[in-house]
Amino acid sequence: MAIAKDDFLMTHRIAHRGLHDNKTMPENSLAAFRNAVEHGYGIELDVYLTDDGTLIVHHDPSLKRTCGIKMHPEKIDSSHLEKYRLMNTDEHIPKLSDVLSLVNGRVGLLIEIKVTKKYEQTCAAVWEMLKDYKGHYWIESFDPRTVRWWHEHHPEVILGQLYDIYAWQRAFCRRMRTHDYVDFLAASVMIVKKRFFAKVTAARPEVAFVAWTVRTPSQKQLAETVNDNFIFECDIKNPAYIEMP
């Protein structure tokens, strides 16, 4: 499907892992998501399915950087998420269900399904949670198998393929030809759109392009020039980053 020009996630900038500052409001926390809602930004977030069957919001394949624990997010005990404190704050890893309740359709959600071996179970669990959700949301993944699952099972959902800076990942995506049916492509702001996606643009001019992740003023200027929208990130600890709104 073609993305409507007035779709929330086409008309509003998207806060990377929520509108966080990585001091009092860590990434992928309820505080960061609440801050994004209050400022009217779309929210990009990351989802894993735990071994005990819970969808949680977390980015890294380890809790080491965010929680100081050497553990894969799939292995956590979701009945005690309060144990998994984010970046030495009172915030902890949230459930996807808690994020949906907090946002409640007030802003759009760009949901990245993380790459794992159990991508089919994760996709099915995400659909069960989203099928009655009334707000705007898009689905994306670096894993073209995940993207294909959504295309085959729920083509009505707005769907995107994430592209990394690595040539092998782009080659994998091209081999599976996800660009033939997705609604948008999300690529690193460092990837020049015209060079890597000229054929896609020519064949499917309706496909939207979303740049990730804009952190500096120069990246912001580039993203505004060649993309339909972009995902941005702030960090008050880093003076080179764009300022918090």
Protein backbone atom coordinates (compact mmCIF):
# COMPACT_ATOMS: atom_id res chain seq x y z
CA MET A 1 0.00 0.00 0.00
CA ALA A 2 1.08 3.59 -0.51
CA ILE A 3 1.58 5.55 2.69
CA ALA A 4 -0.93 8.35 3.05
CA LYS A 5 0.67 11.79 2.98
CA ASP A 6 -1.15 12.70 6.19
CA ASP A 7 -0.05 9.58 8.07
CA PHE A 8 1.26 10.61 11.51
CA LEU A 9 4.64 9.02 10.92
CA MET A 10 5.08 10.95 7.68
CA THR A 11 4.14 14.32 9.11
CA HIS A 12 5.97 14.14 12.47
CA ARG A 13 9.64 13.58 13.24
CA ILE A 14 10.39 10.31 15.01
CA ALA A 15 12.28 10.14 18.32
CA HIS A 16 14.82 7.31 18.39
CA ARG A 17 14.00 4.98 21.31
CA GLY A 18 11.79 7.75 22.65
CA LEU A 19 12.72 11.35 23.38
CA HIS A 20 15.51 10.54 25.81
CA ASP A 21 18.47 12.41 27.21
CA ASN A 22 20.38 9.39 28.59
CA LYS A 23 20.65 11.08 31.98
CA THR A 24 17.29 11.09 33.75
CA MET A 25 15.30 9.69 30.80
CA PRO A 26 17.12 6.67 29.37
CA GLU A 27 16.44 5.25 25.93
CA ASN A 28 13.51 2.86 25.47
CA SER A 29 12.03 3.81 28.84
CA LEU A 30 8.52 4.86 29.77
CA ALA A 31 9.94 8.26 30.72
CA ALA A 32 11.40 8.74 27.24
CA PHE A 33 8.15 7.63 25.60
CA ARG A 34 6.11 9.94 27.83
CA ASN A 35 8.44 12.81 26.90
CA ALA A 36 7.96 12.10 23.18
CA VAL A 37 4.18 12.08 23.60
CA GLU A 38 4.27 15.39 25.48
CA HIS A 39 6.29 16.98 22.67
CA GLY A 40 4.19 15.43 19.90
CA TYR A 41 6.90 13.28 18.31
CA GLY A 42 6.52 9.84 16.82
CA ILE A 43 8.33 7.07 18.72
CA GLU A 44 10.77 4.49 17.40
CA LEU A 45 11.22 1.49 19.71
CA ASP A 46 12.67 -2.03 19.69
CA VAL A 47 10.94 -5.28 20.61
CA TYR A 48 12.13 -8.68 21.81
CA LEU A 49 10.07 -11.72 22.82
CA THR A 50 11.35 -13.21 26.10
CA ASP A 51 11.63 -16.91 26.74
CA ASP A 52 8.69 -16.60 29.14
CA GLY A 53 6.51 -15.21 26.36
CA THR A 54 6.53 -11.47 27.08
CA LEU A 55 7.17 -8.69 24.57
CA ILE A 56 9.67 -6.25 26.04
CA VAL A 57 11.15 -3.02 24.71
CA HIS A 58 14.95 -3.03 24.52
CA HIS A 59 17.53 -2.43 21.82
CA ASP A 60 20.83 -4.19 22.48
CA PRO A 61 21.32 -7.98 22.26
CA SER A 62 22.78 -7.72 25.77
CA LEU A 63 21.73 -5.88 28.93
CA LYS A 64 25.35 -4.95 29.66
CA ARG A 65 25.30 -1.36 28.37
CA THR A 66 21.83 -0.44 29.61
CA CYS A 67 21.52 -2.41 32.85
CA GLY A 68 25.05 -3.52 33.68
CA ILE A 69 24.07 -7.18 33.39
CA LYS A 70 25.63 -9.60 30.93
CA MET A 71 22.41 -11.24 29.73
CA HIS A 72 20.43 -11.51 26.51
CA PRO A 73 17.07 -9.71 26.72
CA GLU A 74 15.25 -12.90 25.77
CA LYS A 75 16.48 -14.48 29.02
CA ILE A 76 15.13 -11.95 31.51
CA ASP A 77 12.43 -12.71 34.06
CA SER A 78 9.58 -10.54 32.83
CA SER A 79 7.66 -10.99 36.10
CA HIS A 80 10.31 -8.83 37.81
CA LEU A 81 11.20 -6.18 35.27
CA GLU A 82 11.84 -3.75 38.12
CA LYS A 83 15.18 -5.56 38.60
CA TYR A 84 16.40 -4.39 35.21
CA ARG A 85 17.13 -0.72 35.87
CA LEU A 86 18.13 1.40 32.89
CA MET A 87 21.36 3.39 33.08
CA ASN A 88 21.32 3.77 36.87
CA THR A 89 17.93 5.47 36.95
CA ASP A 90 14.60 4.45 38.46
CA GLU A 91 13.38 3.49 34.98
CA HIS A 92 13.33 -0.18 34.02
CA ILE A 93 12.86 -2.23 30.85
CA PRO A 94 9.17 -1.88 29.93
CA LYS A 95 6.72 -4.29 28.41
CA LEU A 96 5.32 -3.43 25.00
CA SER A 97 1.84 -3.59 26.51
CA ASP A 98 2.79 -0.84 29.00
CA VAL A 99 4.08 1.35 26.18
CA LEU A 100 0.86 0.92 24.21
CA SER A 101 -1.17 1.84 27.28
CA LEU A 102 0.97 4.91 27.89
CA VAL A 103 0.89 6.18 24.30
CA ASN A 104 -2.75 5.21 23.73
CA GLY A 105 -2.76 6.37 20.12
CA ARG A 106 -1.65 9.94 20.88
CA VAL A 107 1.45 9.67 18.65
CA GLY A 108 2.59 7.16 16.05
CA LEU A 109 4.83 4.18 16.79
CA LEU A 110 7.63 2.85 14.59
CA ILE A 111 8.17 -0.66 15.93
CA GLU A 112 11.42 -2.45 15.12
CA ILE A 113 11.30 -6.20 15.60
CA LYS A 114 14.77 -7.32 16.60
CA VAL A 115 16.63 -10.06 14.76
CA THR A 116 16.36 -13.40 16.58
CA LYS A 117 15.94 -17.05 15.67
CA LYS A 118 12.32 -17.01 16.83
CA TYR A 119 11.23 -14.25 14.49
CA GLU A 120 7.98 -16.01 13.57
CA GLN A 121 6.85 -16.33 17.20
CA THR A 122 7.84 -12.72 17.84
CA CYS A 123 5.91 -11.45 14.83
CA ALA A 124 2.81 -13.42 15.81
CA ALA A 125 2.97 -12.12 19.38
CA VAL A 126 3.36 -8.52 18.19
CA TRP A 127 0.35 -8.89 15.91
CA GLU A 128 -1.79 -10.28 18.72
CA MET A 129 -0.94 -7.22 20.79
CA LEU A 130 -1.45 -4.70 17.99
CA LYS A 131 -4.49 -6.08 16.19
CA ASP A 132 -6.91 -4.10 18.34
CA TYR A 133 -4.66 -1.09 18.93
CA LYS A 134 -6.29 2.08 17.64
CA GLY A 135 -3.22 4.24 17.12
CA HIS A 136 -0.89 4.72 14.15
CA TYR A 137 1.94 2.22 13.90
CA TRP A 138 4.47 0.94 11.39
CA ILE A 139 6.50 -2.28 11.51
CA GLU A 140 10.13 -2.57 10.44
CA SER A 141 13.10 -4.91 10.83
CA PHE A 142 16.64 -5.44 9.62
CA ASP A 143 15.71 -9.09 9.13
CA PRO A 144 14.08 -9.57 5.69
CA ARG A 145 12.51 -12.83 6.92
CA THR A 146 10.60 -10.82 9.51
CA VAL A 147 9.56 -8.29 6.89
CA ARG A 148 8.37 -11.08 4.60
CA TRP A 149 6.33 -12.62 7.46
CA TRP A 150 4.35 -9.41 7.85
CA HIS A 151 3.85 -9.08 4.11
CA GLU A 152 2.53 -12.63 3.86
CA HIS A 153 0.36 -12.62 6.99
CA HIS A 154 -0.77 -8.99 7.39
CA PRO A 155 -0.22 -7.00 4.21
CA GLU A 156 -2.60 -4.35 5.57
CA VAL A 157 0.08 -3.23 8.06
CA ILE A 158 2.42 -0.44 6.93
CA LEU A 159 5.75 -2.21 6.54
CA GLY A 160 9.37 -1.21 6.12
CA GLN A 161 12.76 -2.75 5.49
CA LEU A 162 15.65 -1.45 7.57
CA TYR A 163 18.99 -1.23 5.79
CA ASP A 164 22.30 -1.18 7.62
CA ILE A 165 25.58 0.34 6.53
CA TYR A 166 26.97 -3.16 5.92
CA ALA A 167 27.00 -4.40 2.32
CA TRP A 168 26.18 -7.99 3.31
CA GLN A 169 22.94 -6.93 4.99
CA ARG A 170 21.82 -4.92 1.97
CA ALA A 171 22.69 -7.88 -0.26
CA PHE A 172 20.57 -10.20 1.93
CA CYS A 173 17.61 -7.84 1.66
CA ARG A 174 17.98 -7.49 -2.08
CA ARG A 175 18.22 -11.24 -2.53
CA MET A 176 14.90 -11.65 -0.73
CA ARG A 177 13.49 -8.70 -2.72
CA THR A 178 11.67 -7.09 0.18
CA HIS A 179 11.93 -3.81 -1.73
CA ASP A 180 9.30 -5.18 -4.12
CA TYR A 181 6.48 -4.94 -1.58
CA VAL A 182 7.39 -2.79 1.45
CA ASP A 183 5.84 0.63 1.98
CA PHE A 184 9.02 2.33 3.13
CA LEU A 185 12.78 1.85 3.31
CA ALA A 186 14.68 2.95 6.41
CA ALA A 187 18.38 3.42 5.85
CA SER A 188 21.31 4.93 7.70
CA VAL A 189 21.62 8.64 7.09
CA MET A 190 25.15 7.80 5.92
CA ILE A 191 23.81 5.78 2.97
CA VAL A 192 23.31 7.98 -0.08
CA LYS A 193 19.80 7.29 -1.32
CA LYS A 194 20.43 7.90 -5.00
CA ARG A 195 23.42 5.58 -5.10
CA PHE A 196 21.95 2.56 -3.35
CA PHE A 197 18.24 2.82 -4.10
CA ALA A 198 18.05 4.37 -7.58
CA LYS A 199 16.45 1.26 -9.10
CA VAL A 200 13.86 1.03 -6.32
CA THR A 201 13.03 4.71 -6.65
CA ALA A 202 12.60 4.36 -10.40
CA ALA A 203 10.45 1.22 -10.20
CA ARG A 204 8.37 2.21 -7.17
CA PRO A 205 8.26 6.00 -6.78
CA GLU A 206 5.56 5.67 -4.11
CA VAL A 207 7.98 4.05 -1.62
CA ALA A 208 8.86 6.36 1.27
CA PHE A 209 12.39 6.80 2.61
CA VAL A 210 13.17 7.28 6.31
CA ALA A 211 16.70 8.08 7.50
CA TRP A 212 18.19 6.88 10.80
CA THR A 213 19.65 8.06 13.10
CA VAL A 214 20.09 11.84 12.91
CA ARG A 215 22.29 13.04 15.75
CA THR A 216 24.20 16.07 14.51
CA PRO A 217 23.15 19.28 12.73
CA SER A 218 24.94 18.20 9.53
CA GLN A 219 23.13 14.85 9.53
CA LYS A 220 19.85 16.66 10.08
CA GLN A 221 20.48 18.89 7.09
CA LEU A 222 21.35 15.86 4.92
CA ALA A 223 18.30 13.89 6.05
CA GLU A 224 15.97 16.79 5.35
CA THR A 225 17.37 17.09 1.84
CA VAL A 226 17.07 13.52 0.56
CA ASN A 227 14.48 11.70 2.71
CA ASP A 228 10.75 11.82 3.36
CA ASN A 229 11.27 11.70 7.13
CA PHE A 230 13.95 10.88 9.68
CA ILE A 231 14.53 9.38 13.11
CA PHE A 232 16.49 11.62 15.48
CA GLU A 233 18.27 11.28 18.81
CA CYS A 234 19.38 13.74 21.47
CA ASP A 235 21.96 13.30 24.23
CA ILE A 236 22.58 16.15 26.64
CA LYS A 237 25.95 14.60 27.55
CA ASN A 238 27.21 15.07 23.98
CA PRO A 239 27.57 18.70 22.81
CA ALA A 240 27.86 17.59 19.17
CA TYR A 241 24.31 16.25 19.16
CA ILE A 242 21.27 18.27 18.15
CA GLU A 243 19.65 20.01 21.08
CA MET A 244 16.75 18.63 23.06
CA PRO A 245 13.49 20.24 21.95
